[in-house]
Amino acid sequence: MYNDIINNISKTIIGNKEKIKLTLAAIISEGSILIEDFPGSGKTTFAKSITHNLGFSFKRIQFTSDLLPSDILGFNIISNDKLSFQKGPIFTNIILADELNRGSPKSQSAFLEAMEEKNVSIDGVTYNLPEPFFVIATQNPMDSSGTSTLPDSQLDRFMISFSLSELDDKEKVMMLKNDIVFNDIKSNTINWDELKIKKTKINLSDEIFKYVIEIEQTIQSLDQKIYISSRCLKQIIDLAKGWAIVHEKEYVTHQDVKETLPYILRHRIKFLKQDEKFDFVKKEILEKITIKK
């Protein structure tokens, strides 16, 4: 099933099969995704293609400097002498926060409760969001004009981050020939209740949990400061499980953790250029840990 979904999305999104797998694994793991790249690089098309192929409800919010939290969450109005709550666009399965770092800190923070608790609070009343609920956010590089830095509290809520892959000449020709009509895409609806049961049956040995703790200890031993929260450690486990499901396995291996870890740490490492981060994770963290067989 997952291969069919990946192949269908790959017809729309050229040359990014690994990123498609990674995004699918994150969604299976109930994690939010941050895509960072230059304007016009296909970030929004990537997010829309993923959601259309999964059959989830989907809404898009274009972040601008004048966007208000109520434009995202919703607001109360008085109708027929009664207080009525008008739901905002965040009440959907997948919300695309387009160019998130172009919004004000106040509008960015409107996502914090939703990303962590899967609900929102308006005037002291809590409203549950649909299940499942994910955020796919795009942001322009931080040196772009009109951007503001996302706070650490929000970055930590994103399970993974990545940039789209560079296309070679052949792939660029394919991309230029590709006329995307999302209404023509046939979705492969995921049965979320069945998937939740399947996730509980993925086998994780104690060695995998110990390996994650060793990763944390190795990071803490580095001269450079990389903050790894308890949430992050849980994301490592959850994403490895999602990665195993995408590859149709019933267990998690050390290799599953190795393959997904760079994408979890990417937005948590701030002292390197983006193209240097994966080598850093490999050489300074993963290669320093001996896996006992």
Foldseek 3Di string as FASTA:
>chain_A
DLVVLLVLLCLQVPPFSVVLLLVQLCVLLLFAEEEEEAPPPCLVVSVLSNCLQQVWWEDEDEAAAPDALCQAAFAWDQDPNDIDTDGHPQQTAEYEDEQLQLYDQRNNCSCLCCLPVQWHDYPRDIDHHDPPHYYYYYHYPPVDPNGDDHDPSNLLSGQFYYYGDDDDPVRVVSNVVDDDDSVPRDYDHDPSVVSVVLLVQQDEDVLLLVLLVLLVVLQVPDPDDFDQDPSNSVSLVSSQSSSCVSVPHRYGDPVSSLVNVLRRRQSRDDPDDSVCSNVCCVPSGVVVDDRDD
